[in-house]
Amino acid sequence: MSPQSTEDNEKSRPVMCRGVRGATTVTENTKEAILEATREMMFIIIRANDMRAADVASAYFTTTVYLDATYPALAARQLGWYDAALLCGHEMQVPDGLPMCIRVLIHWNTTRRDTEIVHVYLRDAASLRPDRKSLPEIPEDEMAAILEDFDMQSLHFDPDGLKK
């Protein structure tokens, strides 16, 4: 397929809001270290996905609890994301979790398929995204038991808020 026909095909797809993930780490809790690592991660995400700031709906940045010298969202503002909604928070404290970590979830309006999105994991955060094939399987009998005991009708939405 020629580059032109690939481009035309992408333009004919509907715009979807896709999640783009990224993570990186720092060695110290300083404003400079947090902003430098976040700018690096964001720059690579932007370049790898050919992302335009105008297409970004929002981004949620998190840090491990000991990173509090500055807001990592400031790095996105420094890169020109003036109008996107940005929010920061702390990650859950999980035993043996990756320390000194900055993560981002970007909500991006794009015509790309989910398989065409490039997620970026840098520095020690590269260990966070295992190959999907290495994830533990859920036993079929466990899934069957869950579905057997679950009332699928409870998922139906009643716009009037009345239980029937």
N, C-alpha and C. Protein backbone atom coordinates (compact mmCIF):
# COMPACT_ATOMS: atom_id res chain seq x y z
N MET A 1 0.85 -1.18 0.00
CA MET A 1 0.00 0.00 0.00
C MET A 1 0.89 1.24 0.00
N SER A 2 0.60 2.18 -0.83
CA SER A 2 1.42 3.39 -0.93
C SER A 2 1.17 4.30 0.27
N PRO A 3 2.15 5.18 0.60
CA PRO A 3 1.95 6.11 1.70
C PRO A 3 0.71 6.98 1.51
N GLN A 4 0.42 7.36 0.26
CA GLN A 4 -0.74 8.20 -0.02
C GLN A 4 -2.04 7.49 0.33
N SER A 5 -2.16 6.20 -0.07
CA SER A 5 -3.40 5.48 0.21
C SER A 5 -3.56 5.21 1.70
N THR A 6 -2.47 5.01 2.44
CA THR A 6 -2.55 4.85 3.89
C THR A 6 -3.06 6.12 4.52
N GLU A 7 -2.54 7.27 4.07
CA GLU A 7 -2.96 8.57 4.59
C GLU A 7 -4.43 8.81 4.29
N ASP A 8 -4.86 8.53 3.08
CA ASP A 8 -6.26 8.71 2.70
C ASP A 8 -7.16 7.82 3.55
N ASN A 9 -6.74 6.58 3.79
CA ASN A 9 -7.51 5.64 4.58
C ASN A 9 -7.68 6.16 6.00
N GLU A 10 -6.60 6.71 6.60
CA GLU A 10 -6.68 7.23 7.96
C GLU A 10 -7.61 8.43 8.03
N LYS A 11 -7.60 9.28 7.01
CA LYS A 11 -8.47 10.46 7.00
C LYS A 11 -9.94 10.09 6.89
N SER A 12 -10.24 8.94 6.31
CA SER A 12 -11.64 8.54 6.15
C SER A 12 -12.19 7.85 7.39
N ARG A 13 -11.35 7.55 8.35
CA ARG A 13 -11.80 6.91 9.59
C ARG A 13 -12.47 7.95 10.51
N PRO A 14 -13.37 7.49 11.37
CA PRO A 14 -13.98 8.43 12.32
C PRO A 14 -12.97 8.84 13.40
N VAL A 15 -13.15 10.02 13.95
CA VAL A 15 -12.31 10.47 15.05
C VAL A 15 -12.79 9.78 16.32
N MET A 16 -11.84 9.20 17.04
CA MET A 16 -12.13 8.50 18.30
C MET A 16 -11.26 9.11 19.39
N CYS A 17 -11.70 9.05 20.61
CA CYS A 17 -10.86 9.46 21.73
C CYS A 17 -10.08 8.23 22.18
N ARG A 18 -8.78 8.30 22.07
CA ARG A 18 -7.90 7.18 22.42
C ARG A 18 -7.05 7.54 23.62
N GLY A 19 -6.73 6.56 24.42
CA GLY A 19 -5.84 6.74 25.55
C GLY A 19 -4.41 6.45 25.14
N VAL A 20 -3.52 7.37 25.45
CA VAL A 20 -2.10 7.17 25.18
C VAL A 20 -1.39 7.20 26.53
N ARG A 21 -0.62 6.14 26.80
CA ARG A 21 0.05 6.02 28.10
C ARG A 21 1.53 6.27 27.97
N GLY A 22 2.10 6.74 29.05
CA GLY A 22 3.54 6.93 29.11
C GLY A 22 3.99 6.93 30.56
N ALA A 23 5.25 6.61 30.77
CA ALA A 23 5.82 6.64 32.11
C ALA A 23 7.33 6.80 32.01
N THR A 24 7.88 7.40 33.04
CA THR A 24 9.32 7.58 33.14
C THR A 24 9.68 7.65 34.61
N THR A 25 10.95 7.72 34.92
CA THR A 25 11.39 7.82 36.30
C THR A 25 12.43 8.92 36.44
N VAL A 26 12.62 9.35 37.68
CA VAL A 26 13.64 10.33 38.02
C VAL A 26 14.49 9.77 39.15
N THR A 27 15.64 10.37 39.36
CA THR A 27 16.51 9.90 40.45
C THR A 27 16.43 10.80 41.67
N GLU A 28 15.78 11.96 41.53
CA GLU A 28 15.66 12.86 42.68
C GLU A 28 14.37 13.66 42.59
N ASN A 29 13.89 14.09 43.74
CA ASN A 29 12.66 14.86 43.83
C ASN A 29 12.99 16.35 43.75
N THR A 30 13.29 16.79 42.52
CA THR A 30 13.53 18.21 42.30
C THR A 30 12.66 18.67 41.14
N LYS A 31 12.35 19.95 41.13
CA LYS A 31 11.57 20.53 40.05
C LYS A 31 12.25 20.27 38.71
N GLU A 32 13.55 20.47 38.66
CA GLU A 32 14.31 20.30 37.41
C GLU A 32 14.23 18.86 36.92
N ALA A 33 14.42 17.90 37.81
CA ALA A 33 14.41 16.48 37.40
C ALA A 33 13.03 16.06 36.92
N ILE A 34 11.98 16.47 37.62
CA ILE A 34 10.62 16.10 37.25
C ILE A 34 10.25 16.71 35.90
N LEU A 35 10.54 17.99 35.71
CA LEU A 35 10.19 18.64 34.44
C LEU A 35 11.01 18.10 33.28
N GLU A 36 12.29 17.86 33.48
CA GLU A 36 13.14 17.34 32.40
C GLU A 36 12.66 15.95 31.95
N ALA A 37 12.40 15.07 32.91
CA ALA A 37 11.96 13.71 32.57
C ALA A 37 10.57 13.73 31.92
N THR A 38 9.69 14.58 32.42
CA THR A 38 8.34 14.66 31.86
C THR A 38 8.37 15.25 30.46
N ARG A 39 9.17 16.30 30.25
CA ARG A 39 9.29 16.87 28.89
C ARG A 39 9.84 15.84 27.92
N GLU A 40 10.84 15.07 28.33
CA GLU A 40 11.40 14.03 27.47
C GLU A 40 10.33 13.01 27.09
N MET A 41 9.58 12.52 28.08
CA MET A 41 8.52 11.55 27.83
C MET A 41 7.45 12.13 26.90
N MET A 42 7.01 13.35 27.20
CA MET A 42 5.97 13.98 26.40
C MET A 42 6.44 14.24 24.97
N PHE A 43 7.66 14.71 24.81
CA PHE A 43 8.19 14.98 23.47
C PHE A 43 8.21 13.71 22.64
N ILE A 44 8.62 12.61 23.23
CA ILE A 44 8.68 11.34 22.50
C ILE A 44 7.27 10.86 22.17
N ILE A 45 6.33 10.96 23.10
CA ILE A 45 4.93 10.58 22.83
C ILE A 45 4.38 11.41 21.67
N ILE A 46 4.61 12.72 21.73
CA ILE A 46 4.10 13.63 20.69
C ILE A 46 4.69 13.27 19.33
N ARG A 47 6.00 13.07 19.28
CA ARG A 47 6.67 12.74 18.01
C ARG A 47 6.28 11.36 17.50
N ALA A 48 6.23 10.38 18.38
CA ALA A 48 5.95 9.00 17.96
C ALA A 48 4.53 8.85 17.43
N ASN A 49 3.61 9.70 17.91
CA ASN A 49 2.20 9.60 17.50
C ASN A 49 1.77 10.72 16.56
N ASP A 50 2.68 11.62 16.22
CA ASP A 50 2.35 12.77 15.37
C ASP A 50 1.15 13.51 15.96
N MET A 51 1.24 13.77 17.25
CA MET A 51 0.15 14.35 18.02
C MET A 51 0.17 15.88 17.94
N ARG A 52 -1.00 16.48 17.73
CA ARG A 52 -1.14 17.94 17.74
C ARG A 52 -1.83 18.35 19.04
N ALA A 53 -1.36 19.41 19.65
CA ALA A 53 -1.94 19.87 20.92
C ALA A 53 -3.43 20.12 20.80
N ALA A 54 -3.89 20.61 19.65
CA ALA A 54 -5.31 20.92 19.45
C ALA A 54 -6.19 19.67 19.49
N ASP A 55 -5.60 18.50 19.30
CA ASP A 55 -6.36 17.25 19.30
C ASP A 55 -6.41 16.58 20.66
N VAL A 56 -5.73 17.15 21.64
CA VAL A 56 -5.68 16.56 22.98
C VAL A 56 -6.83 17.10 23.82
N ALA A 57 -7.66 16.19 24.32
CA ALA A 57 -8.78 16.59 25.18
C ALA A 57 -8.29 16.86 26.60
N SER A 58 -7.48 15.94 27.11
CA SER A 58 -6.99 16.09 28.48
C SER A 58 -5.83 15.15 28.72
N ALA A 59 -5.12 15.40 29.82
CA ALA A 59 -4.04 14.51 30.23
C ALA A 59 -4.03 14.45 31.75
N TYR A 60 -3.86 13.26 32.26
CA TYR A 60 -3.80 13.03 33.70
C TYR A 60 -2.41 12.52 34.04
N PHE A 61 -1.69 13.29 34.81
CA PHE A 61 -0.34 12.94 35.24
C PHE A 61 -0.39 12.44 36.68
N THR A 62 0.35 11.39 36.95
CA THR A 62 0.49 10.93 38.33
C THR A 62 1.96 10.76 38.66
N THR A 63 2.26 10.85 39.93
CA THR A 63 3.61 10.58 40.41
C THR A 63 3.50 9.66 41.61
N THR A 64 4.59 8.98 41.90
CA THR A 64 4.64 8.25 43.15
C THR A 64 4.65 9.28 44.26
N VAL A 65 4.24 8.88 45.43
CA VAL A 65 3.93 9.81 46.50
C VAL A 65 5.11 10.71 46.91
N TYR A 66 6.32 10.27 46.73
CA TYR A 66 7.47 11.07 47.16
C TYR A 66 7.91 12.11 46.14
N LEU A 67 7.26 12.15 45.00
CA LEU A 67 7.57 13.19 44.01
C LEU A 67 6.56 14.31 44.15
N ASP A 68 7.01 15.40 44.76
CA ASP A 68 6.10 16.51 45.01
C ASP A 68 6.76 17.88 44.86
N ALA A 69 7.89 17.93 44.16
CA ALA A 69 8.61 19.20 44.00
C ALA A 69 7.93 20.14 43.01
N THR A 70 7.17 19.58 42.07
CA THR A 70 6.41 20.39 41.11
C THR A 70 5.36 19.52 40.45
N TYR A 71 4.48 20.17 39.70
CA TYR A 71 3.47 19.46 38.93
C TYR A 71 4.06 19.03 37.60
N PRO A 72 4.01 17.74 37.26
CA PRO A 72 4.53 17.32 35.95
C PRO A 72 3.74 17.90 34.78
N ALA A 73 2.50 18.30 35.00
CA ALA A 73 1.70 18.90 33.92
C ALA A 73 2.32 20.19 33.41
N LEU A 74 3.13 20.84 34.23
CA LEU A 74 3.82 22.06 33.79
C LEU A 74 4.66 21.78 32.55
N ALA A 75 5.24 20.59 32.45
CA ALA A 75 6.05 20.23 31.28
C ALA A 75 5.20 20.24 30.00
N ALA A 76 3.95 19.78 30.10
CA ALA A 76 3.06 19.81 28.93
C ALA A 76 2.76 21.25 28.53
N ARG A 77 2.56 22.12 29.50
CA ARG A 77 2.35 23.53 29.19
C ARG A 77 3.59 24.11 28.52
N GLN A 78 4.77 23.73 29.00
CA GLN A 78 6.01 24.22 28.39
C GLN A 78 6.15 23.77 26.94
N LEU A 79 5.53 22.63 26.60
CA LEU A 79 5.58 22.11 25.24
C LEU A 79 4.43 22.62 24.37
N GLY A 80 3.63 23.56 24.89
CA GLY A 80 2.59 24.19 24.08
C GLY A 80 1.18 23.71 24.31
N TRP A 81 0.95 22.87 25.28
CA TRP A 81 -0.40 22.39 25.56
C TRP A 81 -1.10 23.41 26.46
N TYR A 82 -1.50 24.53 25.90
CA TYR A 82 -2.10 25.62 26.66
C TYR A 82 -3.58 25.42 26.92
N ASP A 83 -4.28 24.74 26.03
CA ASP A 83 -5.73 24.64 26.13
C ASP A 83 -6.24 23.28 26.59
N ALA A 84 -5.40 22.27 26.63
CA ALA A 84 -5.83 20.95 27.08
C ALA A 84 -6.06 20.97 28.59
N ALA A 85 -7.05 20.22 29.04
CA ALA A 85 -7.29 20.07 30.48
C ALA A 85 -6.23 19.14 31.06
N LEU A 86 -5.48 19.64 32.04
CA LEU A 86 -4.40 18.86 32.65
C LEU A 86 -4.67 18.71 34.14
N LEU A 87 -4.35 17.54 34.66
CA LEU A 87 -4.58 17.25 36.07
C LEU A 87 -3.44 16.40 36.59
N CYS A 88 -3.07 16.60 37.84
CA CYS A 88 -2.01 15.80 38.47
C CYS A 88 -2.55 15.13 39.73
N GLY A 89 -1.97 14.01 40.07
CA GLY A 89 -2.33 13.28 41.29
C GLY A 89 -1.21 12.32 41.65
N HIS A 90 -1.41 11.60 42.75
CA HIS A 90 -0.43 10.60 43.18
C HIS A 90 -0.96 9.20 42.87
N GLU A 91 -0.04 8.31 42.55
CA GLU A 91 -0.36 6.90 42.32
C GLU A 91 -0.69 6.22 43.64
N MET A 92 -1.37 5.10 43.54
CA MET A 92 -1.58 4.25 44.72
C MET A 92 -0.22 3.78 45.23
N GLN A 93 -0.12 3.59 46.53
CA GLN A 93 1.11 3.04 47.09
C GLN A 93 0.97 1.52 47.12
N VAL A 94 1.61 0.88 46.16
CA VAL A 94 1.54 -0.57 46.03
C VAL A 94 2.87 -1.16 46.48
N PRO A 95 2.84 -2.20 47.32
CA PRO A 95 4.12 -2.81 47.72
C PRO A 95 4.92 -3.23 46.49
N ASP A 96 6.19 -2.94 46.51
CA ASP A 96 7.11 -3.25 45.41
C ASP A 96 6.79 -2.51 44.12
N GLY A 97 6.01 -1.42 44.20
CA GLY A 97 5.75 -0.59 43.03
C GLY A 97 7.02 0.15 42.63
N LEU A 98 7.04 0.63 41.40
CA LEU A 98 8.20 1.34 40.89
C LEU A 98 8.31 2.71 41.57
N PRO A 99 9.43 2.97 42.26
CA PRO A 99 9.57 4.26 42.95
C PRO A 99 9.97 5.37 41.97
N MET A 100 9.74 6.61 42.38
CA MET A 100 10.18 7.80 41.65
C MET A 100 9.66 7.81 40.21
N CYS A 101 8.40 7.47 40.05
CA CYS A 101 7.82 7.28 38.72
C CYS A 101 6.80 8.38 38.41
N ILE A 102 6.83 8.84 37.17
CA ILE A 102 5.87 9.80 36.63
C ILE A 102 5.13 9.10 35.51
N ARG A 103 3.80 9.16 35.54
CA ARG A 103 2.98 8.51 34.51
C ARG A 103 2.04 9.52 33.90
N VAL A 104 1.58 9.22 32.69
CA VAL A 104 0.59 10.08 32.04
C VAL A 104 -0.40 9.21 31.28
N LEU A 105 -1.65 9.66 31.30
CA LEU A 105 -2.71 9.11 30.45
C LEU A 105 -3.27 10.29 29.68
N ILE A 106 -3.07 10.27 28.36
CA ILE A 106 -3.52 11.35 27.48
C ILE A 106 -4.78 10.89 26.76
N HIS A 107 -5.80 11.72 26.76
CA HIS A 107 -7.03 11.47 26.00
C HIS A 107 -6.92 12.26 24.71
N TRP A 108 -6.72 11.52 23.61
CA TRP A 108 -6.36 12.12 22.32
C TRP A 108 -7.41 11.81 21.27
N ASN A 109 -7.93 12.82 20.64
CA ASN A 109 -8.89 12.67 19.54
C ASN A 109 -8.12 12.42 18.25
N THR A 110 -8.31 11.24 17.69
CA THR A 110 -7.51 10.82 16.54
C THR A 110 -8.28 9.85 15.65
N THR A 111 -7.81 9.71 14.43
CA THR A 111 -8.38 8.71 13.53
C THR A 111 -7.58 7.41 13.58
N ARG A 112 -6.53 7.38 14.37
CA ARG A 112 -5.73 6.15 14.47
C ARG A 112 -6.47 5.05 15.20
N ARG A 113 -6.16 3.82 14.79
CA ARG A 113 -6.68 2.65 15.49
C ARG A 113 -5.90 2.48 16.79
N ASP A 114 -6.49 1.77 17.75
CA ASP A 114 -5.80 1.56 19.01
C ASP A 114 -4.47 0.83 18.83
N THR A 115 -4.38 -0.02 17.83
CA THR A 115 -3.13 -0.74 17.58
C THR A 115 -2.05 0.14 16.96
N GLU A 116 -2.41 1.33 16.52
CA GLU A 116 -1.45 2.25 15.91
C GLU A 116 -0.91 3.28 16.91
N ILE A 117 -1.41 3.24 18.13
CA ILE A 117 -0.96 4.17 19.15
C ILE A 117 0.38 3.70 19.71
N VAL A 118 1.29 4.64 19.90
CA VAL A 118 2.61 4.32 20.48
C VAL A 118 2.62 4.79 21.93
N HIS A 119 2.71 3.86 22.85
CA HIS A 119 2.83 4.16 24.28
C HIS A 119 4.32 4.20 24.61
N VAL A 120 4.73 5.10 25.47
CA VAL A 120 6.15 5.35 25.70
C VAL A 120 6.51 5.11 27.17
N TYR A 121 7.43 4.19 27.39
CA TYR A 121 7.92 3.87 28.73
C TYR A 121 9.43 4.02 28.73
N LEU A 122 9.94 4.98 29.49
CA LEU A 122 11.36 5.33 29.47
C LEU A 122 12.03 5.01 30.80
N ARG A 123 13.35 4.97 30.73
CA ARG A 123 14.19 4.78 31.92
C ARG A 123 13.74 3.52 32.66
N ASP A 124 13.66 3.56 33.98
CA ASP A 124 13.26 2.37 34.74
C ASP A 124 11.80 2.00 34.52
N ALA A 125 11.00 2.91 33.98
CA ALA A 125 9.58 2.63 33.73
C ALA A 125 9.38 1.66 32.57
N ALA A 126 10.43 1.37 31.82
CA ALA A 126 10.31 0.39 30.73
C ALA A 126 9.85 -0.97 31.26
N SER A 127 10.08 -1.22 32.55
CA SER A 127 9.68 -2.50 33.15
C SER A 127 8.18 -2.57 33.45
N LEU A 128 7.45 -1.48 33.32
CA LEU A 128 6.03 -1.46 33.66
C LEU A 128 5.13 -2.12 32.64
N ARG A 129 5.57 -2.19 31.41
CA ARG A 129 4.69 -2.70 30.35
C ARG A 129 5.20 -4.06 29.87
N PRO A 130 4.81 -5.12 30.56
CA PRO A 130 5.27 -6.44 30.11
C PRO A 130 4.61 -6.80 28.79
N ASP A 131 5.23 -7.68 28.08
CA ASP A 131 4.62 -8.18 26.86
C ASP A 131 3.26 -8.75 27.22
N ARG A 132 2.24 -8.38 26.48
CA ARG A 132 0.88 -8.80 26.83
C ARG A 132 0.74 -10.31 26.87
N LYS A 133 1.57 -11.03 26.15
CA LYS A 133 1.50 -12.48 26.16
C LYS A 133 1.98 -13.06 27.49
N SER A 134 2.73 -12.27 28.27
CA SER A 134 3.25 -12.78 29.53
C SER A 134 2.27 -12.55 30.69
N LEU A 135 1.14 -11.92 30.44
CA LEU A 135 0.17 -11.71 31.50
C LEU A 135 -0.48 -13.04 31.85
N PRO A 136 -0.79 -13.25 33.13
CA PRO A 136 -1.39 -14.54 33.51
C PRO A 136 -2.78 -14.70 32.92
N GLU A 137 -3.07 -15.90 32.47
CA GLU A 137 -4.39 -16.19 31.91
C GLU A 137 -5.40 -16.36 33.04
N ILE A 138 -6.65 -16.09 32.72
CA ILE A 138 -7.74 -16.34 33.67
C ILE A 138 -8.33 -17.69 33.30
N PRO A 139 -8.37 -18.62 34.25
CA PRO A 139 -8.91 -19.95 33.93
C PRO A 139 -10.35 -19.85 33.44
N GLU A 140 -10.66 -20.66 32.41
CA GLU A 140 -12.00 -20.63 31.81
C GLU A 140 -13.09 -20.96 32.82
N ASP A 141 -12.82 -21.90 33.72
CA ASP A 141 -13.85 -22.26 34.70
C ASP A 141 -14.12 -21.11 35.66
N GLU A 142 -13.12 -20.31 35.95
CA GLU A 142 -13.32 -19.12 36.80
C GLU A 142 -14.22 -18.12 36.10
N MET A 143 -13.98 -17.88 34.80
CA MET A 143 -14.82 -16.96 34.03
C MET A 143 -16.25 -17.47 33.92
N ALA A 144 -16.39 -18.78 33.71
CA ALA A 144 -17.73 -19.37 33.60
C ALA A 144 -18.50 -19.19 34.90
N ALA A 145 -17.82 -19.36 36.04
CA ALA A 145 -18.48 -19.21 37.34
C ALA A 145 -18.91 -17.76 37.57
N ILE A 146 -18.11 -16.82 37.15
CA ILE A 146 -18.45 -15.41 37.29
C ILE A 146 -19.69 -15.09 36.47
N LEU A 147 -19.69 -15.53 35.22
CA LEU A 147 -20.82 -15.23 34.34
C LEU A 147 -22.10 -15.95 34.77
N GLU A 148 -21.94 -17.14 35.33
CA GLU A 148 -23.10 -17.91 35.79
C GLU A 148 -23.83 -17.18 36.92
N ASP A 149 -23.09 -16.54 37.79
CA ASP A 149 -23.68 -15.86 38.95
C ASP A 149 -24.02 -14.40 38.70
N PHE A 150 -23.77 -13.91 37.50
CA PHE A 150 -23.98 -12.49 37.22
C PHE A 150 -25.24 -12.28 36.43
N ASP A 151 -26.05 -11.32 36.86
CA ASP A 151 -27.29 -10.98 36.18
C ASP A 151 -26.98 -9.95 35.08
N MET A 152 -26.91 -10.39 33.84
CA MET A 152 -26.59 -9.49 32.73
C MET A 152 -27.66 -8.41 32.56
N GLN A 153 -28.90 -8.68 32.96
CA GLN A 153 -29.96 -7.69 32.84
C GLN A 153 -29.69 -6.47 33.73
N SER A 154 -28.88 -6.65 34.78
CA SER A 154 -28.59 -5.53 35.67
C SER A 154 -27.75 -4.46 34.98
N LEU A 155 -27.21 -4.77 33.82
CA LEU A 155 -26.40 -3.81 33.09
C LEU A 155 -27.22 -2.90 32.19
N HIS A 156 -28.46 -3.20 31.97
CA HIS A 156 -29.30 -2.40 31.10
C HIS A 156 -29.63 -1.06 31.75
N PHE A 157 -29.53 -0.01 30.98
CA PHE A 157 -29.76 1.34 31.47
C PHE A 157 -31.25 1.69 31.38
N ASP A 158 -31.77 2.21 32.48
CA ASP A 158 -33.16 2.67 32.50
C ASP A 158 -33.12 4.20 32.59
N PRO A 159 -33.39 4.90 31.48
CA PRO A 159 -33.27 6.37 31.49
C PRO A 159 -34.22 7.06 32.46
N ASP A 160 -35.31 6.39 32.82
CA ASP A 160 -36.26 6.98 33.77
C ASP A 160 -35.86 6.71 35.21
N GLY A 161 -34.85 5.86 35.41
CA GLY A 161 -34.40 5.55 36.77
C GLY A 161 -35.37 4.67 37.55
N LEU A 162 -36.24 3.98 36.84
CA LEU A 162 -37.21 3.13 37.50
C LEU A 162 -36.80 1.68 37.38
N LYS A 163 -36.76 0.99 38.48
CA LYS A 163 -36.48 -0.44 38.46
C LYS A 163 -37.77 -1.17 38.10
N LYS A 164 -37.66 -2.10 37.18
CA LYS A 164 -38.85 -2.86 36.78
C LYS A 164 -38.77 -4.25 37.30
